[in-house]
Every structure is written in C-alpha cells, then in structure tokens.
Amino acid sequence: MKLAVKKGDIVQVIAGAQKGTRGAVLALDRSKLRVKVQGVRVETHFDKQEGILKSEGYIDYSNVKLVEAVAREKKKSSGKSKTARKSS
C-alpha cells in the first residue's frame, strides 16, 4: 500500500487527545499503518543507567493529514537510452 506521507513530511494530528498538533514524521510502520510524529504521544521510560527516557510512540495513519511535503529529488536515469530501430 502506498502512503501519502513519508519520513520528514510535516503532518497535523486530526483526531485524538493531541488534535491540532503539528510535527515531522520520524518513522513509518507500513505493515500496521502507523506513524511516529515528533512531539506527539511522548512516552516516558525509566532506565537505571540512563535515567528517564522520553520517546514518541506510534499513532494510527488515519489520524494525521499531510500539511507540507518535503522536496525530494527525482532519480536520474542511468543514461542508457533505447535506440530507435530503423525499419527497412
């Protein structure tokens, strides 16, 4: 399935507790249709060595909308073009 958002795009949360929040897409889980958005669904975890760790959790793909797409470069062809065949 092709998703409308890609890593680095700016999206806005349209449903849930953090409705209206904007952030960049950090990661995609294509198999479960979930996205990780910067600053949304921040989870805390305590580690004895590291202390308190904060990280974003995944939210459902249907709860975000694309606001701004990151400009991407198109792939260039390898330079080998198909030559036209001459008809005799």
N, C-alpha and C. Protein backbone atom coordinates (compact mmCIF):
# COMPACT_ATOMS: atom_id res chain seq x y z
N MET A 1 0.85 -1.18 0.00
CA MET A 1 0.00 0.00 0.00
C MET A 1 0.89 1.23 0.00
N LYS A 2 0.55 2.19 -0.83
CA LYS A 2 1.33 3.42 -0.91
C LYS A 2 0.72 4.45 0.03
N LEU A 3 1.56 5.03 0.89
CA LEU A 3 1.10 6.02 1.85
C LEU A 3 1.36 7.42 1.33
N ALA A 4 0.51 8.37 1.72
CA ALA A 4 0.64 9.75 1.26
C ALA A 4 1.78 10.48 1.96
N VAL A 5 2.15 10.04 3.16
CA VAL A 5 3.21 10.71 3.90
C VAL A 5 4.49 9.88 3.87
N LYS A 6 5.61 10.57 3.97
CA LYS A 6 6.90 9.91 4.02
C LYS A 6 7.71 10.51 5.16
N LYS A 7 8.81 9.88 5.48
CA LYS A 7 9.66 10.34 6.56
C LYS A 7 10.15 11.75 6.26
N GLY A 8 9.98 12.65 7.23
CA GLY A 8 10.41 14.03 7.07
C GLY A 8 9.29 14.99 6.74
N ASP A 9 8.14 14.50 6.28
CA ASP A 9 6.99 15.35 5.96
C ASP A 9 6.42 15.97 7.24
N ILE A 10 5.78 17.13 7.09
CA ILE A 10 5.10 17.78 8.20
C ILE A 10 3.64 17.38 8.15
N VAL A 11 3.12 16.85 9.27
CA VAL A 11 1.72 16.41 9.34
C VAL A 11 1.04 17.08 10.53
N GLN A 12 -0.29 17.06 10.51
CA GLN A 12 -1.09 17.59 11.60
C GLN A 12 -2.00 16.48 12.11
N VAL A 13 -2.09 16.37 13.44
CA VAL A 13 -2.96 15.37 14.05
C VAL A 13 -4.39 15.88 13.95
N ILE A 14 -5.30 15.06 13.41
CA ILE A 14 -6.68 15.49 13.20
C ILE A 14 -7.67 14.80 14.14
N ALA A 15 -7.19 13.87 14.96
CA ALA A 15 -8.08 13.17 15.90
C ALA A 15 -7.27 12.74 17.12
N GLY A 16 -7.95 12.65 18.24
CA GLY A 16 -7.29 12.18 19.46
C GLY A 16 -7.02 13.30 20.44
N ALA A 17 -6.30 12.97 21.49
CA ALA A 17 -6.04 13.91 22.58
C ALA A 17 -5.17 15.09 22.14
N GLN A 18 -4.31 14.88 21.17
CA GLN A 18 -3.41 15.94 20.73
C GLN A 18 -3.80 16.51 19.37
N LYS A 19 -5.11 16.62 19.16
CA LYS A 19 -5.65 17.14 17.92
C LYS A 19 -5.14 18.56 17.66
N GLY A 20 -4.70 18.81 16.43
CA GLY A 20 -4.20 20.13 16.06
C GLY A 20 -2.69 20.26 16.14
N THR A 21 -2.01 19.32 16.76
CA THR A 21 -0.56 19.37 16.90
C THR A 21 0.11 19.03 15.58
N ARG A 22 1.14 19.81 15.24
CA ARG A 22 1.90 19.57 14.03
C ARG A 22 3.29 19.06 14.39
N GLY A 23 3.83 18.24 13.51
CA GLY A 23 5.17 17.72 13.73
C GLY A 23 5.68 16.98 12.50
N ALA A 24 6.96 16.67 12.51
CA ALA A 24 7.58 15.95 11.41
C ALA A 24 7.43 14.45 11.62
N VAL A 25 7.29 13.73 10.52
CA VAL A 25 7.20 12.27 10.59
C VAL A 25 8.59 11.71 10.85
N LEU A 26 8.74 10.96 11.94
CA LEU A 26 10.03 10.39 12.31
C LEU A 26 10.20 8.98 11.77
N ALA A 27 9.10 8.21 11.74
CA ALA A 27 9.18 6.82 11.28
C ALA A 27 7.80 6.37 10.80
N LEU A 28 7.80 5.36 9.94
CA LEU A 28 6.58 4.76 9.42
C LEU A 28 6.60 3.26 9.67
N ASP A 29 5.45 2.71 10.03
CA ASP A 29 5.29 1.26 10.11
C ASP A 29 4.24 0.90 9.07
N ARG A 30 4.71 0.55 7.88
CA ARG A 30 3.81 0.30 6.75
C ARG A 30 2.92 -0.92 6.95
N SER A 31 3.39 -1.92 7.68
CA SER A 31 2.59 -3.13 7.85
C SER A 31 1.39 -2.88 8.76
N LYS A 32 1.54 -2.03 9.77
CA LYS A 32 0.45 -1.74 10.70
C LYS A 32 -0.23 -0.41 10.43
N LEU A 33 0.23 0.33 9.40
CA LEU A 33 -0.30 1.64 9.04
C LEU A 33 -0.27 2.60 10.23
N ARG A 34 0.92 2.76 10.80
CA ARG A 34 1.11 3.66 11.93
C ARG A 34 2.30 4.57 11.65
N VAL A 35 2.25 5.79 12.21
CA VAL A 35 3.33 6.76 12.02
C VAL A 35 3.80 7.27 13.37
N LYS A 36 5.06 7.67 13.42
CA LYS A 36 5.63 8.27 14.61
C LYS A 36 5.88 9.73 14.28
N VAL A 37 5.22 10.64 15.02
CA VAL A 37 5.28 12.07 14.76
C VAL A 37 6.02 12.76 15.90
N GLN A 38 6.88 13.70 15.55
CA GLN A 38 7.70 14.41 16.53
C GLN A 38 6.80 15.21 17.48
N GLY A 39 6.95 14.96 18.78
CA GLY A 39 6.22 15.68 19.81
C GLY A 39 4.83 15.16 20.10
N VAL A 40 4.42 14.08 19.45
CA VAL A 40 3.08 13.53 19.65
C VAL A 40 3.20 12.17 20.34
N ARG A 41 2.35 11.94 21.33
CA ARG A 41 2.31 10.69 22.12
C ARG A 41 3.68 10.38 22.72
N VAL A 42 4.21 11.35 23.45
CA VAL A 42 5.51 11.18 24.09
C VAL A 42 5.38 10.23 25.27
N GLU A 43 6.18 9.17 25.27
CA GLU A 43 6.16 8.17 26.32
C GLU A 43 7.43 8.30 27.15
N THR A 44 7.33 8.05 28.46
CA THR A 44 8.50 8.08 29.32
C THR A 44 8.83 6.66 29.78
N HIS A 45 10.11 6.41 29.89
CA HIS A 45 10.58 5.10 30.35
C HIS A 45 11.76 5.34 31.27
N PHE A 46 11.77 4.68 32.42
CA PHE A 46 12.88 4.83 33.36
C PHE A 46 13.86 3.68 33.19
N ASP A 47 15.13 4.04 33.00
CA ASP A 47 16.21 3.08 32.87
C ASP A 47 17.21 3.36 33.99
N LYS A 48 17.69 2.32 34.66
CA LYS A 48 18.59 2.53 35.79
C LYS A 48 19.89 3.22 35.38
N GLN A 49 20.39 2.92 34.21
CA GLN A 49 21.65 3.52 33.77
C GLN A 49 21.44 4.87 33.09
N GLU A 50 20.42 4.99 32.29
CA GLU A 50 20.18 6.21 31.51
C GLU A 50 19.29 7.22 32.21
N GLY A 51 18.48 6.77 33.16
CA GLY A 51 17.54 7.67 33.82
C GLY A 51 16.22 7.69 33.07
N ILE A 52 15.55 8.83 33.08
CA ILE A 52 14.26 8.96 32.41
C ILE A 52 14.49 9.20 30.92
N LEU A 53 13.88 8.37 30.11
CA LEU A 53 13.98 8.49 28.65
C LEU A 53 12.61 8.85 28.10
N LYS A 54 12.56 9.81 27.19
CA LYS A 54 11.31 10.19 26.55
C LYS A 54 11.43 9.91 25.06
N SER A 55 10.40 9.27 24.51
CA SER A 55 10.38 8.99 23.08
C SER A 55 8.95 9.03 22.58
N GLU A 56 8.80 9.27 21.29
CA GLU A 56 7.48 9.33 20.68
C GLU A 56 6.97 7.92 20.41
N GLY A 57 5.67 7.77 20.52
CA GLY A 57 5.03 6.49 20.21
C GLY A 57 4.33 6.59 18.87
N TYR A 58 3.91 5.46 18.36
CA TYR A 58 3.21 5.41 17.07
C TYR A 58 1.74 5.78 17.25
N ILE A 59 1.18 6.47 16.25
CA ILE A 59 -0.25 6.73 16.20
C ILE A 59 -0.76 6.22 14.86
N ASP A 60 -2.07 6.04 14.75
CA ASP A 60 -2.65 5.49 13.53
C ASP A 60 -2.52 6.48 12.38
N TYR A 61 -2.27 5.93 11.20
CA TYR A 61 -2.08 6.72 9.99
C TYR A 61 -3.31 7.56 9.66
N SER A 62 -4.50 7.06 9.97
CA SER A 62 -5.73 7.77 9.64
C SER A 62 -5.95 9.01 10.50
N ASN A 63 -5.18 9.17 11.55
CA ASN A 63 -5.34 10.30 12.46
C ASN A 63 -4.44 11.48 12.12
N VAL A 64 -3.75 11.43 10.99
CA VAL A 64 -2.90 12.54 10.59
C VAL A 64 -3.23 12.96 9.16
N LYS A 65 -2.96 14.23 8.86
CA LYS A 65 -3.10 14.69 7.49
C LYS A 65 -1.82 15.43 7.09
N LEU A 66 -1.49 15.34 5.84
CA LEU A 66 -0.28 15.95 5.31
C LEU A 66 -0.46 17.46 5.22
N VAL A 67 0.51 18.20 5.79
CA VAL A 67 0.48 19.65 5.73
C VAL A 67 1.52 20.15 4.73
N GLU A 68 2.73 19.60 4.83
CA GLU A 68 3.80 20.05 3.95
C GLU A 68 4.70 18.87 3.62
N ALA A 69 4.86 18.62 2.33
CA ALA A 69 5.72 17.52 1.89
C ALA A 69 7.14 18.03 1.72
N VAL A 70 8.09 17.21 2.06
CA VAL A 70 9.49 17.55 1.90
C VAL A 70 9.86 17.38 0.42
N ALA A 71 10.59 18.34 -0.11
CA ALA A 71 11.00 18.25 -1.51
C ALA A 71 11.98 17.11 -1.68
N ARG A 72 11.72 16.28 -2.66
CA ARG A 72 12.59 15.14 -2.92
C ARG A 72 13.14 15.24 -4.32
N GLU A 73 14.37 14.79 -4.48
CA GLU A 73 14.98 14.79 -5.80
C GLU A 73 14.52 13.55 -6.56
N LYS A 74 14.27 13.74 -7.85
CA LYS A 74 13.89 12.60 -8.67
C LYS A 74 15.14 11.86 -9.08
N LYS A 75 14.99 10.55 -9.20
CA LYS A 75 16.13 9.73 -9.60
C LYS A 75 16.44 9.98 -11.08
N LYS A 76 17.72 10.10 -11.37
CA LYS A 76 18.13 10.30 -12.75
C LYS A 76 18.28 8.94 -13.41
N SER A 77 18.03 8.93 -14.71
CA SER A 77 18.19 7.68 -15.44
C SER A 77 19.68 7.38 -15.59
N SER A 78 20.00 6.14 -15.91
CA SER A 78 21.39 5.72 -15.99
C SER A 78 22.10 6.24 -17.24
N GLY A 79 21.38 6.92 -18.11
CA GLY A 79 21.99 7.49 -19.31
C GLY A 79 21.87 6.58 -20.51
N LYS A 80 21.46 5.37 -20.31
CA LYS A 80 21.30 4.44 -21.42
C LYS A 80 19.89 4.60 -21.98
N SER A 81 19.81 5.10 -23.18
CA SER A 81 18.50 5.25 -23.79
C SER A 81 18.30 4.18 -24.84
N LYS A 82 17.08 3.86 -25.05
CA LYS A 82 16.76 2.86 -26.06
C LYS A 82 16.87 3.52 -27.43
N THR A 83 17.59 2.91 -28.31
CA THR A 83 17.75 3.47 -29.63
C THR A 83 16.58 3.05 -30.50
N ALA A 84 16.19 3.96 -31.35
CA ALA A 84 15.07 3.67 -32.27
C ALA A 84 15.54 2.69 -33.32
N ARG A 85 14.72 1.71 -33.60
CA ARG A 85 15.04 0.73 -34.61
C ARG A 85 14.66 1.27 -35.98
N LYS A 86 15.56 1.07 -36.91
CA LYS A 86 15.29 1.51 -38.28
C LYS A 86 14.47 0.46 -38.99
N SER A 87 13.45 0.92 -39.68
CA SER A 87 12.66 -0.04 -40.46
C SER A 87 13.17 -0.08 -41.88
N SER A 88 13.23 -1.23 -42.46
CA SER A 88 13.74 -1.35 -43.83
C SER A 88 12.67 -1.72 -44.81
